[in-house]
Each structure stands twice: as C-alpha cells, then as structure tokens.
C-alpha cells in the first residue's frame, strides 16, 4: 500500500507545484509553460524494443457504472510486427484491479506462447512500482501473487512504465473492445484506427532517430526493468 500512497502523493505534489508556479508566472510565461508540457506529451511515443527483445504493451479501462473493465494486450517486436494480441471484457470494481488483471493476462499469454526476453509496458505507475518492489497491495494482492509466480517462468522479463501517450495502441484496442467494435480476428485484420496509430508511431520514431543523429536532445520515456530467471 505504501507504494500506491507514495505514487499518489508524488502526483498530487507535482500537480500542486505546477499550479503554484503558474500562479507566480506572468501570463506569457504561463502560456509558454503550458505549450511546453503539451509539446512534451506530443513527443512521447511508443519505443520499439532493442535487439531480439519483444515488448508487450498493456492497458485496462474501467467503467464504474457498469462494473465492467476492458483489458488489452499488444506484443510487438523491434520492427513493429504484431506478434500477438488479446482483448476481453472483465468484471471488476476499480481501475487498479483492471490494470493488474491486464498485466496478469499478458503474462499468461506470453507463457502459453512460450515467449521470453520480453518487456512488459504499462501506463499505470502504481502497478509498475508495486510489481518492481514485489509488494502486497490490498485490493490487488491476490492478482499480484499470481503475477510474481508467472514472471518467474518467463526468462529475461522486465517491466517498464510509460506515459499514456506512449501506450496509445493498447489504449485504442481496449477502447474498440469496450465499444464492441473489435472483431475476433483483429490481430490479422487490423482496424484502420490501429493501423493509423502504428503508422504515426513509425513516423515519429523515424523523425526522432534523425534528430538524435543530428546531435540534438531527444526526450525519452522513464523505464523500470527487472530480470527473472
């Protein structure tokens, strides 16, 4: 629980600090600050894994009014080929439960397909911090225990956190699924929305690679990794 509390406190402090800074700033500086943050969000994108590693992006959405959640998994290689994917509707009582169920489902999929050397990426910071620290967290304790057991059976596995903007493809999959717009063969016959996001990510990665080669600073996502044997 301490990890979840720390994550929420840090997030709250960050938001409040930004508000105080903006109150002290002249109007022009405030406008520039907002534009800089928006520009940063636009620069954040999905990054392909290095070498022969795979990356599994996971995302979950929860609808309190219906008590339903959607879990989405996208597994890709370094050249952005879709290796595997899944999406399903589940029953849940909170967003954190859905996010943890999504990660567990992804580990099960990877194990069933005998996939190793894989990086699991989520935009749920409290979940990633809990998994990294191998903590027990009240409402998701049983799911976390499953995750800790499953990850031991996947060689060279790791966990990483990214901003929501870096997890757009998985987010789009769960959005289509929860609205009943995802067909059963979507991994083979990909909807135009998924193809469009993949195209934009490819273009943005290419532009950033060229920028980096020209010696300019490139914004990178924050990554937390661990290895199991």
Protein backbone atom coordinates (compact mmCIF):
# COMPACT_ATOMS: atom_id res chain seq x y z
CA UNK A 1 0.00 0.00 0.00
CA UNK A 2 2.95 2.30 0.71
CA UNK A 3 3.95 2.27 -2.98
CA UNK A 4 0.47 3.29 -4.12
CA UNK A 5 0.34 6.03 -1.48
CA UNK A 6 3.77 7.37 -2.47
CA UNK A 7 2.81 7.43 -6.15
CA UNK A 8 -0.38 9.35 -5.42
CA UNK A 9 1.39 11.80 -3.09
CA UNK A 10 4.09 12.48 -5.69
CA UNK A 11 1.45 13.01 -8.37
CA UNK A 12 -0.51 15.40 -6.13
CA UNK A 13 2.61 17.34 -5.16
CA UNK A 14 3.61 17.63 -8.81
CA UNK A 15 0.20 19.00 -9.81
CA UNK A 16 0.08 21.46 -6.89
CA UNK A 17 3.64 22.64 -7.57
CA UNK A 18 2.72 23.31 -11.19
CA UNK A 19 -0.33 25.30 -10.08
CA UNK A 20 1.75 27.44 -7.71
CA UNK A 21 4.40 28.04 -10.36
CA UNK A 22 1.77 29.08 -12.89
CA UNK A 23 0.17 31.48 -10.39
CA UNK A 24 3.52 33.20 -9.90
CA UNK A 25 4.33 33.40 -13.60
CA UNK A 26 3.45 36.29 -15.94
CA UNK A 27 0.75 35.45 -18.48
CA UNK A 28 3.31 34.97 -21.27
CA UNK A 29 5.37 32.56 -19.15
CA UNK A 30 2.25 30.62 -18.18
CA UNK A 31 1.32 30.21 -21.82
CA UNK A 32 4.84 29.03 -22.67
CA UNK A 33 4.80 26.55 -19.75
CA UNK A 34 1.52 25.01 -20.92
CA UNK A 35 2.74 24.83 -24.50
CA UNK A 36 5.97 23.14 -23.38
CA UNK A 37 4.04 20.47 -21.46
CA UNK A 38 1.74 19.87 -24.42
CA UNK A 39 4.75 19.67 -26.72
CA UNK A 40 6.37 17.11 -24.40
CA UNK A 41 3.24 14.94 -24.46
CA UNK A 42 3.22 15.05 -28.25
CA UNK A 43 6.86 13.88 -28.34
CA UNK A 44 6.23 10.86 -26.10
CA UNK A 45 5.62 7.82 -28.26
CA UNK A 46 5.97 4.05 -28.27
CA UNK A 47 9.58 2.88 -28.50
CA UNK A 48 10.47 -0.42 -30.18
CA UNK A 49 12.47 -2.89 -28.07
CA UNK A 50 16.16 -3.35 -28.76
CA UNK A 51 17.84 -6.40 -30.22
CA UNK A 52 15.73 -9.54 -30.34
CA UNK A 53 13.57 -8.48 -27.41
CA UNK A 54 9.78 -8.22 -27.55
CA UNK A 55 7.61 -5.55 -25.98
CA UNK A 56 4.16 -6.18 -24.56
CA UNK A 57 2.02 -3.08 -24.10
CA UNK A 58 -0.88 -3.46 -21.70
CA UNK A 59 -3.81 -1.20 -20.94
CA UNK A 60 -7.01 -1.50 -18.97
CA UNK A 61 -10.14 0.62 -18.73
CA UNK A 62 -12.81 0.54 -16.02
CA UNK A 63 -16.42 1.71 -16.16
CA UNK A 64 -17.74 2.20 -12.64
CA UNK A 65 -21.38 2.49 -13.69
CA UNK A 66 -21.41 -0.99 -15.26
CA UNK A 67 -18.74 -2.66 -13.13
CA UNK A 68 -17.01 -3.76 -16.32
CA UNK A 69 -13.42 -3.43 -17.40
CA UNK A 70 -11.58 -3.98 -20.66
CA UNK A 71 -8.10 -5.45 -20.86
CA UNK A 72 -5.92 -5.07 -23.95
CA UNK A 73 -2.55 -6.59 -24.83
CA UNK A 74 -0.27 -5.81 -27.77
CA UNK A 75 3.01 -7.69 -28.23
CA UNK A 76 5.41 -6.38 -30.89
CA UNK A 77 9.00 -6.94 -31.97
CA UNK A 78 11.72 -4.42 -32.82
CA UNK A 79 10.43 -3.89 -36.37
CA UNK A 80 6.90 -3.28 -35.02
CA UNK A 81 5.43 -6.57 -36.22
CA UNK A 82 2.41 -7.64 -34.18
CA UNK A 83 3.45 -10.94 -32.60
CA UNK A 84 0.30 -11.46 -30.52
CA UNK A 85 -2.59 -9.57 -29.01
CA UNK A 86 -5.75 -10.01 -27.00
CA UNK A 87 -8.71 -8.04 -25.67
CA UNK A 88 -11.56 -9.02 -23.40
CA UNK A 89 -14.25 -7.68 -21.09
CA UNK A 90 -13.93 -8.48 -17.37
CA UNK A 91 -15.83 -7.79 -14.16
CA UNK A 92 -14.06 -5.50 -11.70
CA UNK A 93 -14.53 -2.86 -9.02
CA UNK A 94 -11.66 -0.43 -9.69
CA UNK A 95 -9.20 0.80 -12.31
CA UNK A 96 -6.23 -0.65 -10.44
CA UNK A 97 -7.83 -4.09 -10.40
CA UNK A 98 -8.39 -3.93 -14.17
CA UNK A 99 -4.79 -2.79 -14.79
CA UNK A 100 -3.41 -5.63 -12.66
CA UNK A 101 -5.70 -8.18 -14.34
CA UNK A 102 -4.39 -6.93 -17.69
CA UNK A 103 -0.78 -7.49 -16.69
CA UNK A 104 -1.61 -10.97 -15.35
CA UNK A 105 -3.41 -11.83 -18.60
CA UNK A 106 -0.39 -10.66 -20.59
CA UNK A 107 1.97 -12.86 -18.59
CA UNK A 108 -0.33 -15.84 -19.12
CA UNK A 109 -0.42 -15.15 -22.88
CA UNK A 110 3.37 -14.87 -23.05
CA UNK A 111 3.82 -18.09 -21.09
CA UNK A 112 1.29 -20.00 -23.21
CA UNK A 113 3.06 -18.86 -26.38
CA UNK A 114 6.45 -19.69 -24.78
CA UNK A 115 7.69 -16.14 -25.31
CA UNK A 116 10.76 -14.96 -23.43
CA UNK A 117 13.07 -11.96 -23.49
CA UNK A 118 10.06 -9.66 -23.20
CA UNK A 119 9.46 -6.21 -21.72
CA UNK A 120 6.02 -5.52 -20.25
CA UNK A 121 4.99 -1.88 -20.57
CA UNK A 122 2.09 -0.14 -18.79
CA UNK A 123 1.00 3.44 -18.14
CA UNK A 124 -0.13 2.51 -14.60
CA UNK A 125 2.69 3.84 -12.41
CA UNK A 126 1.30 2.47 -9.09
CA UNK A 127 1.07 -1.02 -10.60
CA UNK A 128 4.59 -0.98 -12.05
CA UNK A 129 6.02 0.34 -8.79
CA UNK A 130 4.23 -2.37 -6.82
CA UNK A 131 5.46 -5.13 -9.15
CA UNK A 132 9.01 -3.77 -9.04
CA UNK A 133 9.02 -3.75 -5.25
CA UNK A 134 7.13 -7.08 -5.07
CA UNK A 135 4.74 -5.52 -2.58
CA UNK A 136 1.35 -6.67 -1.39
CA UNK A 137 -1.37 -4.14 -2.15
CA UNK A 138 -4.77 -4.65 -0.53
CA UNK A 139 -7.32 -4.88 -3.34
CA UNK A 140 -4.94 -6.46 -5.87
CA UNK A 141 -2.95 -8.66 -3.51
CA UNK A 142 -4.14 -11.99 -4.98
CA UNK A 143 -3.54 -10.80 -8.54
CA UNK A 144 -0.05 -9.59 -7.65
CA UNK A 145 0.77 -13.01 -6.18
CA UNK A 146 -0.21 -14.60 -9.49
CA UNK A 147 1.97 -12.08 -11.34
CA UNK A 148 5.02 -12.84 -9.15
CA UNK A 149 4.64 -16.57 -9.80
CA UNK A 150 4.06 -16.18 -13.54
CA UNK A 151 7.02 -13.88 -14.13
CA UNK A 152 9.38 -16.47 -12.65
CA UNK A 153 8.54 -18.72 -15.59
CA UNK A 154 9.36 -16.12 -18.26
CA UNK A 155 13.07 -15.75 -18.97
CA UNK A 156 14.67 -12.31 -19.16
CA UNK A 157 11.45 -10.45 -18.42
CA UNK A 158 11.22 -6.80 -17.42
CA UNK A 159 8.70 -4.12 -16.55
CA UNK A 160 8.59 -0.54 -17.73
CA UNK A 161 6.31 2.44 -17.23
CA UNK A 162 5.39 4.95 -19.92
CA UNK A 163 3.09 7.95 -20.24
CA UNK A 164 -0.38 7.29 -21.67
CA UNK A 165 0.86 8.92 -24.90
CA UNK A 166 3.42 6.11 -25.21
CA UNK A 167 0.73 3.45 -24.85
CA UNK A 168 -1.74 4.60 -27.48
CA UNK A 169 -2.07 1.38 -29.48
CA UNK A 170 -3.06 -0.74 -26.47
CA UNK A 171 -5.39 2.06 -25.35
CA UNK A 172 -7.06 2.09 -28.77
CA UNK A 173 -7.53 -1.69 -28.70
CA UNK A 174 -9.30 -1.58 -25.33
CA UNK A 175 -11.39 1.38 -26.48
CA UNK A 176 -12.57 -0.51 -29.57
CA UNK A 177 -13.21 -3.64 -27.50
CA UNK A 178 -15.30 -1.94 -24.81
CA UNK A 179 -17.44 -0.30 -27.52
CA UNK A 180 -17.96 -3.58 -29.36
CA UNK A 181 -16.01 -2.51 -32.45
CA UNK A 182 -13.24 -5.12 -32.37
CA UNK A 183 -13.74 -8.27 -34.43
CA UNK A 184 -12.42 -11.66 -33.36
CA UNK A 185 -9.66 -11.66 -36.00
CA UNK A 186 -8.44 -8.13 -35.29
CA UNK A 187 -4.79 -9.18 -34.94
CA UNK A 188 -4.84 -10.37 -38.56
CA UNK A 189 -7.41 -7.99 -40.00
CA UNK A 190 -6.44 -4.84 -38.13
CA UNK A 191 -8.97 -1.97 -37.91
CA UNK A 192 -8.00 1.27 -39.62
CA UNK A 193 -7.67 3.01 -36.21
CA UNK A 194 -4.95 0.57 -35.17
CA UNK A 195 -3.10 0.81 -38.47
CA UNK A 196 -3.17 4.62 -38.25
CA UNK A 197 -1.63 4.71 -34.77
CA UNK A 198 1.09 2.25 -35.83
CA UNK A 199 1.84 4.45 -38.86
CA UNK A 200 2.13 7.61 -36.72
CA UNK A 201 4.42 5.85 -34.26
CA UNK A 202 6.69 4.71 -37.07
CA UNK A 203 6.90 8.23 -38.49
CA UNK A 204 7.60 9.79 -35.09
CA UNK A 205 10.28 7.22 -34.23
CA UNK A 206 11.96 7.91 -37.58
CA UNK A 207 11.92 11.68 -37.04
CA UNK A 208 13.37 11.32 -33.53
CA UNK A 209 16.08 8.97 -34.78
CA UNK A 210 17.09 11.51 -37.41
CA UNK A 211 17.03 14.30 -34.81
CA UNK A 212 19.20 12.25 -32.47
CA UNK A 213 21.70 11.57 -35.24
CA UNK A 214 21.99 15.32 -35.78
CA UNK A 215 23.15 15.73 -32.20
CA UNK A 216 20.02 17.28 -30.72
CA UNK A 217 18.41 16.29 -27.44
CA UNK A 218 15.64 13.70 -27.67
CA UNK A 219 13.08 13.20 -24.90
CA UNK A 220 12.95 9.60 -23.64
CA UNK A 221 10.44 7.75 -21.51
CA UNK A 222 11.25 6.60 -17.98
CA UNK A 223 11.98 2.88 -17.77
CA UNK A 224 12.00 0.48 -14.81
CA UNK A 225 13.28 -3.01 -15.51
CA UNK A 226 13.89 -6.23 -13.62
CA UNK A 227 15.17 -9.60 -14.75
CA UNK A 228 13.94 -13.05 -13.75
CA UNK A 229 15.50 -16.42 -14.40
